[in-house]
C-alpha atoms as a PDB file:
ATOM      1  CA  UNK A   1     -19.958 -11.478 -11.081  1.00  0.00           C
ATOM      2  CA  UNK A   2     -17.205  -9.060 -10.055  1.00  0.00           C
ATOM      3  CA  UNK A   3     -14.619 -10.300  -7.593  1.00  0.00           C
ATOM      4  CA  UNK A   4     -14.363  -8.283  -4.379  1.00  0.00           C
ATOM      5  CA  UNK A   5     -10.819  -7.376  -3.384  1.00  0.00           C
ATOM      6  CA  UNK A   6      -9.722  -5.773  -0.133  1.00  0.00           C
ATOM      7  CA  UNK A   7      -6.565  -3.635  -0.318  1.00  0.00           C
ATOM      8  CA  UNK A   8      -4.779  -2.390   2.764  1.00  0.00           C
ATOM      9  CA  UNK A   9      -2.616   0.673   2.224  1.00  0.00           C
ATOM     10  CA  UNK A  10      -4.567   1.573  -0.903  1.00  0.00           C
ATOM     11  CA  UNK A  11      -3.964   5.314  -0.459  1.00  0.00           C
ATOM     12  CA  UNK A  12      -0.228   4.844  -0.950  1.00  0.00           C
ATOM     13  CA  UNK A  13       1.906   4.908  -4.088  1.00  0.00           C
ATOM     14  CA  UNK A  14       1.772   1.210  -4.952  1.00  0.00           C
ATOM     15  CA  UNK A  15      -1.631   0.553  -3.378  1.00  0.00           C
ATOM     16  CA  UNK A  16      -3.429   3.264  -5.344  1.00  0.00           C
ATOM     17  CA  UNK A  17      -1.847   2.178  -8.633  1.00  0.00           C
ATOM     18  CA  UNK A  18      -2.825  -1.450  -7.986  1.00  0.00           C
ATOM     19  CA  UNK A  19      -6.360  -0.348  -7.044  1.00  0.00           C
ATOM     20  CA  UNK A  20      -6.769   1.615 -10.278  1.00  0.00           C
ATOM     21  CA  UNK A  21      -5.464  -1.324 -12.318  1.00  0.00           C
ATOM     22  CA  UNK A  22      -7.869  -3.779 -10.690  1.00  0.00           C
ATOM     23  CA  UNK A  23     -10.830  -1.430 -11.187  1.00  0.00           C
ATOM     24  CA  UNK A  24      -9.938  -1.145 -14.880  1.00  0.00           C
ATOM     25  CA  UNK A  25      -9.985  -4.950 -15.040  1.00  0.00           C
ATOM     26  CA  UNK A  26     -13.516  -5.234 -13.652  1.00  0.00           C
ATOM     27  CA  UNK A  27     -12.802  -5.926  -9.983  1.00  0.00           C
ATOM     28  CA  UNK A  28     -14.591  -4.315  -7.062  1.00  0.00           C
ATOM     29  CA  UNK A  29     -12.117  -2.719  -4.672  1.00  0.00           C
ATOM     30  CA  UNK A  30     -12.389  -1.754  -1.015  1.00  0.00           C
ATOM     31  CA  UNK A  31      -9.491   0.189   0.466  1.00  0.00           C
ATOM     32  CA  UNK A  32      -8.415   0.320   4.096  1.00  0.00           C
ATOM     33  CA  UNK A  33      -5.885   3.004   5.022  1.00  0.00           C
ATOM     34  CA  UNK A  34      -5.140   5.008   8.170  1.00  0.00           C
ATOM     35  CA  UNK A  35      -3.636   7.810   6.004  1.00  0.00           C
ATOM     36  CA  UNK A  36      -0.492   8.056   8.151  1.00  0.00           C
ATOM     37  CA  UNK A  37       1.624   7.928   4.993  1.00  0.00           C
ATOM     38  CA  UNK A  38      -1.125   7.566   2.362  1.00  0.00           C
ATOM     39  CA  UNK A  39      -2.787  10.342   0.391  1.00  0.00           C
ATOM     40  CA  UNK A  40      -6.584  10.505   0.283  1.00  0.00           C
ATOM     41  CA  UNK A  41      -6.426  12.174  -3.154  1.00  0.00           C
ATOM     42  CA  UNK A  42      -4.864   8.990  -4.590  1.00  0.00           C
ATOM     43  CA  UNK A  43      -7.823   6.778  -3.691  1.00  0.00           C
ATOM     44  CA  UNK A  44      -9.800   5.924  -6.866  1.00  0.00           C
ATOM     45  CA  UNK A  45     -13.315   7.368  -6.842  1.00  0.00           C
ATOM     46  CA  UNK A  46     -14.798   3.980  -7.793  1.00  0.00           C
ATOM     47  CA  UNK A  47     -13.213   2.259  -4.807  1.00  0.00           C
ATOM     48  CA  UNK A  48     -14.926   1.994  -1.438  1.00  0.00           C
ATOM     49  CA  UNK A  49     -12.823   3.576   1.280  1.00  0.00           C
ATOM     50  CA  UNK A  50     -12.654   2.878   4.997  1.00  0.00           C
ATOM     51  CA  UNK A  51     -10.331   5.030   7.081  1.00  0.00           C
ATOM     52  CA  UNK A  52      -9.002   2.802   9.835  1.00  0.00           C
ATOM     53  CA  UNK A  53      -5.924   1.055  11.137  1.00  0.00           C
ATOM     54  CA  UNK A  54      -5.382  -2.587  10.200  1.00  0.00           C
ATOM     55  CA  UNK A  55      -5.074  -3.302  13.922  1.00  0.00           C
ATOM     56  CA  UNK A  56      -8.573  -1.995  14.734  1.00  0.00           C
ATOM     57  CA  UNK A  57     -10.270  -5.328  15.397  1.00  0.00           C
ATOM     58  CA  UNK A  58     -13.814  -3.939  15.682  1.00  0.00           C
ATOM     59  CA  UNK A  59     -13.721  -1.939  12.441  1.00  0.00           C
ATOM     60  CA  UNK A  60     -11.817  -4.560  10.441  1.00  0.00           C
ATOM     61  CA  UNK A  61     -14.174  -7.305  11.646  1.00  0.00           C
ATOM     62  CA  UNK A  62     -17.160  -5.238  10.558  1.00  0.00           C
ATOM     63  CA  UNK A  63     -15.688  -4.521   7.115  1.00  0.00           C
ATOM     64  CA  UNK A  64     -14.740  -8.150   6.417  1.00  0.00           C
ATOM     65  CA  UNK A  65     -17.926  -9.667   7.844  1.00  0.00           C
ATOM     66  CA  UNK A  66     -20.313  -7.502   5.819  1.00  0.00           C
ATOM     67  CA  UNK A  67     -18.637  -8.106   2.417  1.00  0.00           C
ATOM     68  CA  UNK A  68     -17.649 -11.436   0.892  1.00  0.00           C
ATOM     69  CA  UNK A  69     -14.072 -10.692  -0.204  1.00  0.00           C
ATOM     70  CA  UNK A  70     -12.388 -13.062  -2.637  1.00  0.00           C
ATOM     71  CA  UNK A  71      -8.888 -11.967  -1.634  1.00  0.00           C
ATOM     72  CA  UNK A  72      -6.906  -9.370   0.272  1.00  0.00           C
ATOM     73  CA  UNK A  73      -3.813  -7.543  -0.969  1.00  0.00           C
ATOM     74  CA  UNK A  74      -1.836  -6.390   2.044  1.00  0.00           C
ATOM     75  CA  UNK A  75       0.235  -3.311   1.186  1.00  0.00           C
ATOM     76  CA  UNK A  76      -0.090  -1.338   4.421  1.00  0.00           C
ATOM     77  CA  UNK A  77       3.166  -0.783   6.281  1.00  0.00           C
ATOM     78  CA  UNK A  78       6.225   1.389   6.761  1.00  0.00           C
ATOM     79  CA  UNK A  79       9.038   1.310   4.210  1.00  0.00           C
ATOM     80  CA  UNK A  80      11.866   3.700   5.114  1.00  0.00           C
ATOM     81  CA  UNK A  81      15.090   1.822   5.835  1.00  0.00           C
ATOM     82  CA  UNK A  82      16.723   4.892   7.412  1.00  0.00           C
ATOM     83  CA  UNK A  83      13.808   5.398   9.803  1.00  0.00           C
ATOM     84  CA  UNK A  84      13.720   1.710  10.693  1.00  0.00           C
ATOM     85  CA  UNK A  85      17.353   1.874  11.829  1.00  0.00           C
ATOM     86  CA  UNK A  86      16.444   4.692  14.230  1.00  0.00           C
ATOM     87  CA  UNK A  87      13.060   3.276  15.283  1.00  0.00           C
ATOM     88  CA  UNK A  88      13.135  -0.527  14.962  1.00  0.00           C
ATOM     89  CA  UNK A  89      10.288  -1.070  17.458  1.00  0.00           C
ATOM     90  CA  UNK A  90       7.979   1.086  15.339  1.00  0.00           C
ATOM     91  CA  UNK A  91       8.691  -1.056  12.281  1.00  0.00           C
ATOM     92  CA  UNK A  92       8.085  -4.346  14.072  1.00  0.00           C
ATOM     93  CA  UNK A  93       4.821  -2.913  15.419  1.00  0.00           C
ATOM     94  CA  UNK A  94       3.461  -1.804  12.040  1.00  0.00           C
ATOM     95  CA  UNK A  95       4.965  -4.380   9.686  1.00  0.00           C
ATOM     96  CA  UNK A  96       4.716  -7.446  11.891  1.00  0.00           C
ATOM     97  CA  UNK A  97       2.455  -7.156  14.959  1.00  0.00           C
ATOM     98  CA  UNK A  98      -0.335  -5.148  13.340  1.00  0.00           C
ATOM     99  CA  UNK A  99      -0.146  -7.235  10.157  1.00  0.00           C
ATOM    100  CA  UNK A 100      -0.311 -10.456  12.170  1.00  0.00           C
ATOM    101  CA  UNK A 101      -3.395  -9.227  14.017  1.00  0.00           C
ATOM    102  CA  UNK A 102      -4.977  -8.205  10.728  1.00  0.00           C
ATOM    103  CA  UNK A 103      -4.387 -11.606   9.139  1.00  0.00           C
ATOM    104  CA  UNK A 104      -5.861 -13.356  12.160  1.00  0.00           C
ATOM    105  CA  UNK A 105      -9.045 -11.316  11.741  1.00  0.00           C
ATOM    106  CA  UNK A 106      -9.102 -12.330   8.062  1.00  0.00           C
ATOM    107  CA  UNK A 107      -8.806 -16.002   9.012  1.00  0.00           C
ATOM    108  CA  UNK A 108     -11.568 -15.630  11.596  1.00  0.00           C
ATOM    109  CA  UNK A 109     -14.008 -14.525   8.901  1.00  0.00           C
ATOM    110  CA  UNK A 110     -12.848 -16.923   6.186  1.00  0.00           C
ATOM    111  CA  UNK A 111     -10.820 -14.485   4.074  1.00  0.00           C
ATOM    112  CA  UNK A 112      -8.246 -17.060   3.062  1.00  0.00           C
ATOM    113  CA  UNK A 113      -6.586 -15.723  -0.110  1.00  0.00           C
ATOM    114  CA  UNK A 114      -3.747 -13.354   0.766  1.00  0.00           C
ATOM    115  CA  UNK A 115      -1.253 -11.435  -1.348  1.00  0.00           C
ATOM    116  CA  UNK A 116       1.534 -10.015   0.802  1.00  0.00           C
ATOM    117  CA  UNK A 117       3.637  -7.055  -0.257  1.00  0.00           C
ATOM    118  CA  UNK A 118       7.215  -7.853   0.740  1.00  0.00           C
ATOM    119  CA  UNK A 119      10.672  -6.667  -0.221  1.00  0.00           C
ATOM    120  CA  UNK A 120      13.907  -7.746  -1.851  1.00  0.00           C
ATOM    121  CA  UNK A 121      15.613  -6.348   1.248  1.00  0.00           C
ATOM    122  CA  UNK A 122      14.999  -9.705   2.932  1.00  0.00           C
ATOM    123  CA  UNK A 123      17.970 -11.011   0.917  1.00  0.00           C
ATOM    124  CA  UNK A 124      20.387  -8.529   2.500  1.00  0.00           C
ATOM    125  CA  UNK A 125      23.881  -8.427   0.976  1.00  0.00           C
ATOM    126  CA  UNK A 126      24.521 -11.226  -1.475  1.00  0.00           C
ATOM    127  CA  UNK A 127      27.097 -12.062  -4.121  1.00  0.00           C
ATOM    128  CA  UNK A 128      26.665 -10.068  -7.303  1.00  0.00           C
ATOM    129  CA  UNK A 129      24.331 -12.266  -9.254  1.00  0.00           C
ATOM    130  CA  UNK A 130      20.547 -12.075  -9.757  1.00  0.00           C
ATOM    131  CA  UNK A 131      18.771 -13.501  -6.717  1.00  0.00           C
ATOM    132  CA  UNK A 132      16.302 -16.355  -7.003  1.00  0.00           C
ATOM    133  CA  UNK A 133      13.526 -16.924  -4.492  1.00  0.00           C
ATOM    134  CA  UNK A 134      15.644 -19.746  -3.060  1.00  0.00           C
ATOM    135  CA  UNK A 135      18.488 -17.393  -2.122  1.00  0.00           C
ATOM    136  CA  UNK A 136      19.249 -17.275   1.580  1.00  0.00           C
ATOM    137  CA  UNK A 137      17.343 -14.575   3.445  1.00  0.00           C
ATOM    138  CA  UNK A 138      19.682 -12.501   5.587  1.00  0.00           C
ATOM    139  CA  UNK A 139      18.105  -9.077   6.218  1.00  0.00           C
ATOM    140  CA  UNK A 140      20.505  -6.408   7.458  1.00  0.00           C
ATOM    141  CA  UNK A 141      18.111  -3.704   8.697  1.00  0.00           C
ATOM    142  CA  UNK A 142      14.976  -3.594  10.900  1.00  0.00           C
ATOM    143  CA  UNK A 143      12.674  -2.828   7.943  1.00  0.00           C
ATOM    144  CA  UNK A 144      13.739  -5.974   6.121  1.00  0.00           C
ATOM    145  CA  UNK A 145      13.646  -8.061   9.308  1.00  0.00           C
ATOM    146  CA  UNK A 146      10.092  -6.928  10.051  1.00  0.00           C
ATOM    147  CA  UNK A 147       8.957  -7.912   6.534  1.00  0.00           C
ATOM    148  CA  UNK A 148      10.673 -11.294   6.691  1.00  0.00           C
ATOM    149  CA  UNK A 149       9.075 -11.963  10.064  1.00  0.00           C
ATOM    150  CA  UNK A 150       5.540 -11.463   8.683  1.00  0.00           C
ATOM    151  CA  UNK A 151       6.454 -13.641   5.676  1.00  0.00           C
ATOM    152  CA  UNK A 152       7.535 -16.426   8.020  1.00  0.00           C
ATOM    153  CA  UNK A 153       4.402 -16.024  10.114  1.00  0.00           C
ATOM    154  CA  UNK A 154       2.168 -16.572   7.067  1.00  0.00           C
ATOM    155  CA  UNK A 155       4.201 -19.539   5.857  1.00  0.00           C
ATOM    156  CA  UNK A 156       4.188 -21.215   9.276  1.00  0.00           C
ATOM    157  CA  UNK A 157       0.499 -20.474   9.872  1.00  0.00           C
ATOM    158  CA  UNK A 158      -0.432 -21.977   6.496  1.00  0.00           C
ATOM    159  CA  UNK A 159       0.820 -25.377   7.696  1.00  0.00           C
ATOM    160  CA  UNK A 160      -1.865 -25.541  10.396  1.00  0.00           C
ATOM    161  CA  UNK A 161      -4.634 -23.323   8.980  1.00  0.00           C
ATOM    162  CA  UNK A 162      -6.210 -23.619   5.565  1.00  0.00           C
ATOM    163  CA  UNK A 163      -5.429 -20.510   3.548  1.00  0.00           C
ATOM    164  CA  UNK A 164      -3.415 -19.565   0.461  1.00  0.00           C
ATOM    165  CA  UNK A 165      -0.824 -16.846  -0.004  1.00  0.00           C
ATOM    166  CA  UNK A 166       1.356 -15.259  -2.636  1.00  0.00           C
ATOM    167  CA  UNK A 167       4.315 -13.306  -1.310  1.00  0.00           C
ATOM    168  CA  UNK A 168       5.616 -10.678  -3.721  1.00  0.00           C
ATOM    169  CA  UNK A 169       9.142  -9.499  -3.030  1.00  0.00           C
ATOM    170  CA  UNK A 170       9.439  -6.082  -4.660  1.00  0.00           C
ATOM    171  CA  UNK A 171      12.754  -4.862  -5.924  1.00  0.00           C
ATOM    172  CA  UNK A 172      12.964  -1.067  -6.444  1.00  0.00           C
ATOM    173  CA  UNK A 173       9.578   0.194  -7.592  1.00  0.00           C
ATOM    174  CA  UNK A 174       9.673   3.413  -9.613  1.00  0.00           C
ATOM    175  CA  UNK A 175       7.883   5.366 -12.318  1.00  0.00           C
ATOM    176  CA  UNK A 176       4.310   6.514 -12.625  1.00  0.00           C
ATOM    177  CA  UNK A 177       1.309   5.040 -14.404  1.00  0.00           C
ATOM    178  CA  UNK A 178       0.474   6.453 -17.847  1.00  0.00           C
ATOM    179  CA  UNK A 179      -2.638   8.327 -16.661  1.00  0.00           C
ATOM    180  CA  UNK A 180      -0.648   9.865 -13.773  1.00  0.00           C
ATOM    181  CA  UNK A 181      -3.520   9.527 -11.303  1.00  0.00           C
ATOM    182  CA  UNK A 182      -1.136   8.782  -8.465  1.00  0.00           C
ATOM    183  CA  UNK A 183       2.564   8.390  -7.837  1.00  0.00           C
ATOM    184  CA  UNK A 184       5.268   8.581  -5.245  1.00  0.00           C
ATOM    185  CA  UNK A 185       4.604  11.530  -2.945  1.00  0.00           C
ATOM    186  CA  UNK A 186       6.511  11.898   0.306  1.00  0.00           C
ATOM    187  CA  UNK A 187       8.233  14.656   2.253  1.00  0.00           C
ATOM    188  CA  UNK A 188      10.846  12.151   3.419  1.00  0.00           C
ATOM    189  CA  UNK A 189      11.486  10.018   0.347  1.00  0.00           C
ATOM    190  CA  UNK A 190      14.808   8.211   0.061  1.00  0.00           C
ATOM    191  CA  UNK A 191      14.057   6.589  -3.332  1.00  0.00           C
ATOM    192  CA  UNK A 192      16.940   7.421  -5.671  1.00  0.00           C
ATOM    193  CA  UNK A 193      14.865   8.151  -8.798  1.00  0.00           C
ATOM    194  CA  UNK A 194      12.342  10.210  -6.816  1.00  0.00           C
ATOM    195  CA  UNK A 195      15.065  12.316  -5.163  1.00  0.00           C
ATOM    196  CA  UNK A 196      16.988  12.750  -8.428  1.00  0.00           C
ATOM    197  CA  UNK A 197      13.837  13.988 -10.173  1.00  0.00           C
ATOM    198  CA  UNK A 198      13.180  16.395  -7.298  1.00  0.00           C
ATOM    199  CA  UNK A 199      16.638  17.860  -7.926  1.00  0.00           C
ATOM    200  CA  UNK A 200      15.840  18.077 -11.637  1.00  0.00           C
ATOM    201  CA  UNK A 201      12.706  20.174 -11.011  1.00  0.00           C
ATOM    202  CA  UNK A 202      14.545  22.267  -8.386  1.00  0.00           C
ATOM    203  CA  UNK A 203      12.687  20.974  -5.340  1.00  0.00           C
ATOM    204  CA  UNK A 204      16.092  20.053  -3.915  1.00  0.00           C
ATOM    205  CA  UNK A 205      19.464  21.667  -4.428  1.00  0.00           C
ATOM    206  CA  UNK A 206      21.462  18.514  -4.977  1.00  0.00           C
ATOM    207  CA  UNK A 207      21.505  14.741  -4.846  1.00  0.00           C
ATOM    208  CA  UNK A 208      23.668  13.089  -2.222  1.00  0.00           C
ATOM    209  CA  UNK A 209      25.164   9.778  -3.354  1.00  0.00           C
ATOM    210  CA  UNK A 210      25.304   7.566  -0.272  1.00  0.00           C
ATOM    211  CA  UNK A 211      28.783   6.183  -0.699  1.00  0.00           C
ATOM    212  CA  UNK A 212      30.952   5.555  -3.780  1.00  0.00           C
ATOM    213  CA  UNK A 213      33.337   2.991  -2.308  1.00  0.00           C
ATOM    214  CA  UNK A 214      31.267  -0.183  -2.639  1.00  0.00           C
ATOM    215  CA  UNK A 215      32.724  -3.209  -4.433  1.00  0.00           C
ATOM    216  CA  UNK A 216      30.740  -2.537  -7.613  1.00  0.00           C
ATOM    217  CA  UNK A 217      31.666  -1.425 -11.127  1.00  0.00           C
ATOM    218  CA  UNK A 218      31.643   2.293 -10.251  1.00  0.00           C
ATOM    219  CA  UNK A 219      31.632   2.169  -6.454  1.00  0.00           C
ATOM    220  CA  UNK A 220      27.919   2.888  -6.029  1.00  0.00           C
ATOM    221  CA  UNK A 221      25.134   0.522  -5.020  1.00  0.00           C
ATOM    222  CA  UNK A 222      23.242  -1.449  -7.673  1.00  0.00           C
ATOM    223  CA  UNK A 223      19.490  -1.934  -7.827  1.00  0.00           C
ATOM    224  CA  UNK A 224      16.873  -3.544 -10.063  1.00  0.00           C
ATOM    225  CA  UNK A 225      14.158  -0.987 -10.909  1.00  0.00           C
ATOM    226  CA  UNK A 226      10.641  -2.143 -11.848  1.00  0.00           C
ATOM    227  CA  UNK A 227       7.974   0.132 -13.319  1.00  0.00           C
ATOM    228  CA  UNK A 228       4.866   0.558 -11.171  1.00  0.00           C
ATOM    229  CA  UNK A 229       2.559  -0.392 -14.066  1.00  0.00           C
ATOM    230  CA  UNK A 230       4.311  -3.734 -14.549  1.00  0.00           C
ATOM    231  CA  UNK A 231       4.096  -4.315 -10.803  1.00  0.00           C
ATOM    232  CA  UNK A 232       0.349  -3.616 -10.898  1.00  0.00           C
ATOM    233  CA  UNK A 233      -0.032  -6.264 -13.602  1.00  0.00           C
ATOM    234  CA  UNK A 234       1.971  -8.699 -11.462  1.00  0.00           C
ATOM    235  CA  UNK A 235      -0.630  -8.209  -8.722  1.00  0.00           C
ATOM    236  CA  UNK A 236      -3.474  -8.854 -11.160  1.00  0.00           C
ATOM    237  CA  UNK A 237      -1.963 -12.090 -12.499  1.00  0.00           C
ATOM    238  CA  UNK A 238      -1.174 -13.282  -8.972  1.00  0.00           C
ATOM    239  CA  UNK A 239      -4.695 -12.468  -7.850  1.00  0.00           C
ATOM    240  CA  UNK A 240      -6.368 -14.381 -10.681  1.00  0.00           C
ATOM    241  CA  UNK A 241      -4.206 -17.418 -10.052  1.00  0.00           C
ATOM    242  CA  UNK A 242      -4.638 -17.331  -6.279  1.00  0.00           C
ATOM    243  CA  UNK A 243      -8.437 -17.181  -6.489  1.00  0.00           C
ATOM    244  CA  UNK A 244      -8.651 -19.859  -9.170  1.00  0.00           C
ATOM    245  CA  UNK A 245      -5.966 -22.366  -8.163  1.00  0.00           C
ATOM    246  CA  UNK A 246      -5.478 -21.626  -4.448  1.00  0.00           C
ATOM    247  CA  UNK A 247      -1.766 -22.386  -4.494  1.00  0.00           C
ATOM    248  CA  UNK A 248       0.849 -20.567  -2.435  1.00  0.00           C
ATOM    249  CA  UNK A 249       3.995 -19.035  -3.958  1.00  0.00           C
ATOM    250  CA  UNK A 250       6.836 -16.595  -3.370  1.00  0.00           C
ATOM    251  CA  UNK A 251       7.806 -14.445  -6.361  1.00  0.00           C
ATOM    252  CA  UNK A 252      10.518 -11.871  -7.025  1.00  0.00           C
ATOM    253  CA  UNK A 253       9.223  -8.712  -8.711  1.00  0.00           C
ATOM    254  CA  UNK A 254      11.969  -7.185 -10.825  1.00  0.00           C
ATOM    255  CA  UNK A 255      13.472  -7.246 -14.302  1.00  0.00           C
ATOM    256  CA  UNK A 256      16.775  -9.001 -13.676  1.00  0.00           C
ATOM    257  CA  UNK A 257      18.978  -6.066 -14.662  1.00  0.00           C
ATOM    258  CA  UNK A 258      20.816  -3.890 -12.180  1.00  0.00           C
ATOM    259  CA  UNK A 259      21.753  -0.223 -12.479  1.00  0.00           C
ATOM    260  CA  UNK A 260      24.202   1.656 -10.288  1.00  0.00           C
ATOM    261  CA  UNK A 261      23.385   4.999  -8.693  1.00  0.00           C
ATOM    262  CA  UNK A 262      25.697   6.725 -11.163  1.00  0.00           C
ATOM    263  CA  UNK A 263      24.032   5.004 -14.146  1.00  0.00           C
ATOM    264  CA  UNK A 264      20.611   6.218 -12.975  1.00  0.00           C
ATOM    265  CA  UNK A 265      21.963   9.759 -12.697  1.00  0.00           C
ATOM    266  CA  UNK A 266      23.547   9.545 -16.163  1.00  0.00           C
ATOM    267  CA  UNK A 267      20.222   8.369 -17.621  1.00  0.00           C
ATOM    268  CA  UNK A 268      18.365  11.291 -16.033  1.00  0.00           C
ATOM    269  CA  UNK A 269      21.027  13.707 -17.280  1.00  0.00           C
ATOM    270  CA  UNK A 270      20.584  12.378 -20.826  1.00  0.00           C
ATOM    271  CA  UNK A 271      16.822  13.053 -20.618  1.00  0.00           C
ATOM    272  CA  UNK A 272      17.385  16.563 -19.230  1.00  0.00           C
ATOM    273  CA  UNK A 273      20.305  17.228 -21.597  1.00  0.00           C
ATOM    274  CA  UNK A 274      22.134  18.734 -18.640  1.00  0.00           C
ATOM    275  CA  UNK A 275      23.661  17.504 -15.398  1.00  0.00           C
ATOM    276  CA  UNK A 276      21.955  17.660 -12.038  1.00  0.00           C
ATOM    277  CA  UNK A 277      23.953  18.736  -9.014  1.00  0.00           C
ATOM    278  CA  UNK A 278      25.484  15.736  -7.210  1.00  0.00           C
ATOM    279  CA  UNK A 279      27.593  15.334  -4.090  1.00  0.00           C
ATOM    280  CA  UNK A 280      29.278  12.230  -2.701  1.00  0.00           C
ATOM    281  CA  UNK A 281      28.210  11.533   0.884  1.00  0.00           C
ATOM    282  CA  UNK A 282      28.779   8.768   3.404  1.00  0.00           C
ATOM    283  CA  UNK A 283      27.210   5.322   3.213  1.00  0.00           C
ATOM    284  CA  UNK A 284      23.785   4.795   4.722  1.00  0.00           C
ATOM    285  CA  UNK A 285      23.706   2.465   7.676  1.00  0.00           C
ATOM    286  CA  UNK A 286      22.666  -1.093   6.848  1.00  0.00           C
ATOM    287  CA  UNK A 287      22.353  -0.484   3.095  1.00  0.00           C
ATOM    288  CA  UNK A 288      22.626  -3.391   0.657  1.00  0.00           C
ATOM    289  CA  UNK A 289      25.382  -3.225  -1.948  1.00  0.00           C
ATOM    290  CA  UNK A 290      23.611  -5.214  -4.669  1.00  0.00           C
ATOM    291  CA  UNK A 291      19.959  -6.206  -5.128  1.00  0.00           C
ATOM    292  CA  UNK A 292      18.982  -7.593  -8.532  1.00  0.00           C
ATOM    293  CA  UNK A 293      16.174 -10.067  -9.164  1.00  0.00           C
ATOM    294  CA  UNK A 294      16.153 -13.333 -10.945  1.00  0.00           C
ATOM    295  CA  UNK A 295      12.474 -13.067 -11.913  1.00  0.00           C
ATOM    296  CA  UNK A 296      12.277 -16.098 -14.191  1.00  0.00           C
ATOM    297  CA  UNK A 297      10.014 -17.984 -11.789  1.00  0.00           C
ATOM    298  CA  UNK A 298       7.197 -15.450 -12.208  1.00  0.00           C
ATOM    299  CA  UNK A 299       7.833 -14.966 -15.943  1.00  0.00           C
ATOM    300  CA  UNK A 300       7.768 -18.702 -16.606  1.00  0.00           C
ATOM    301  CA  UNK A 301       4.795 -19.473 -14.363  1.00  0.00           C
ATOM    302  CA  UNK A 302       2.525 -16.805 -15.878  1.00  0.00           C
ATOM    303  CA  UNK A 303       4.209 -16.514 -19.292  1.00  0.00           C
ATOM    304  CA  UNK A 304       4.594 -12.848 -18.391  1.00  0.00           C
ATOM    305  CA  UNK A 305       6.479 -10.235 -20.385  1.00  0.00           C
ATOM    306  CA  UNK A 306       7.010  -6.790 -18.834  1.00  0.00           C
ATOM    307  CA  UNK A 307       5.798  -3.829 -20.874  1.00  0.00           C
ATOM    308  CA  UNK A 308       7.887  -1.038 -19.339  1.00  0.00           C
ATOM    309  CA  UNK A 309      11.276  -2.725 -18.947  1.00  0.00           C
ATOM    310  CA  UNK A 310      13.384   0.328 -19.764  1.00  0.00           C
ATOM    311  CA  UNK A 311      15.248   2.605 -17.340  1.00  0.00           C
ATOM    312  CA  UNK A 312      14.729   5.710 -19.494  1.00  0.00           C
ATOM    313  CA  UNK A 313      10.961   5.079 -19.612  1.00  0.00           C
ATOM    314  CA  UNK A 314      10.849   4.651 -15.834  1.00  0.00           C
ATOM    315  CA  UNK A 315      12.853   7.825 -15.136  1.00  0.00           C
ATOM    316  CA  UNK A 316      10.978   9.906 -17.729  1.00  0.00           C
ATOM    317  CA  UNK A 317       7.622   9.004 -16.173  1.00  0.00           C
ATOM    318  CA  UNK A 318       8.977   9.835 -12.710  1.00  0.00           C
ATOM    319  CA  UNK A 319      10.170  13.197 -14.009  1.00  0.00           C
ATOM    320  CA  UNK A 320       6.737  13.987 -15.483  1.00  0.00           C
ATOM    321  CA  UNK A 321       5.154  13.132 -12.125  1.00  0.00           C
ATOM    322  CA  UNK A 322       7.540  15.448 -10.260  1.00  0.00           C
ATOM    323  CA  UNK A 323       6.718  18.239 -12.698  1.00  0.00           C
ATOM    324  CA  UNK A 324       3.007  17.659 -12.073  1.00  0.00           C
ATOM    325  CA  UNK A 325       3.486  17.776  -8.293  1.00  0.00           C
ATOM    326  CA  UNK A 326       5.434  21.008  -8.556  1.00  0.00           C
ATOM    327  CA  UNK A 327       2.811  22.560 -10.840  1.00  0.00           C
ATOM    328  CA  UNK A 328      -0.059  21.796  -8.435  1.00  0.00           C
ATOM    329  CA  UNK A 329       1.799  22.491  -5.209  1.00  0.00           C
END
């Protein structure tokens, strides 16, 4: 019998890719999304869709009570660091308060297997070495603090209430799935690879590098980029294990290799065989200097090997997606 999975935020970039991957692996998927940042066109046709907010107790109760879900993957939330600095209350409302209310409804109806989408931003600024899950959490912006707060709520709640969780701390998610059914689409994106590809297809005039005076090899910030298709598989493996073994974990989701902003730009330029227009700007407020995963815990636990662990592959797929968006605009 097919397992029933509930996905919040399934109309978004990551949520829609995860939904498609689960459907291809013989799961039944129900998506909840309020479409504030999601795109209805990204929702897989084979998925059931309910337009509602995760904080709508009446609707959520009805959805969960009428279907026996084996697990929930919680991806709904706000993700823009720059916006969170300007509107911290908004981020604590959506990423913590609404999520907490949603989880309490899940517990009420016995939905006790939870996968939580979290972020590497909870680590803040650390020494330049790949970060294990045991690294100290010291978030430096409201977005990261809101995500860490909901992590801590789940962990604390699990000590008094019987449920199981897997917290996935994403490093920088990029790229587009092979079938290009969905991808990163936003009028306000701050993702480096997304913005760089927009410059490449002439949606933007130039790329602003947010500071080149960091204490890194070339002065620009360093990030660990993970392909969306590998991240989707991480969700599938976590889901299978959670349902079968009912054990709680925290896992980093990255490759363990960091690239600077300038290295990403150089890689894109090599694909284009020309240089995109770049300008050095000021640092972003509350931006981490270095975020690279030590992902051995997940790799060892599931004997997992990434399939798309290549910066050029990630950027090339992002470029194809940007070309598709421009063509169908």
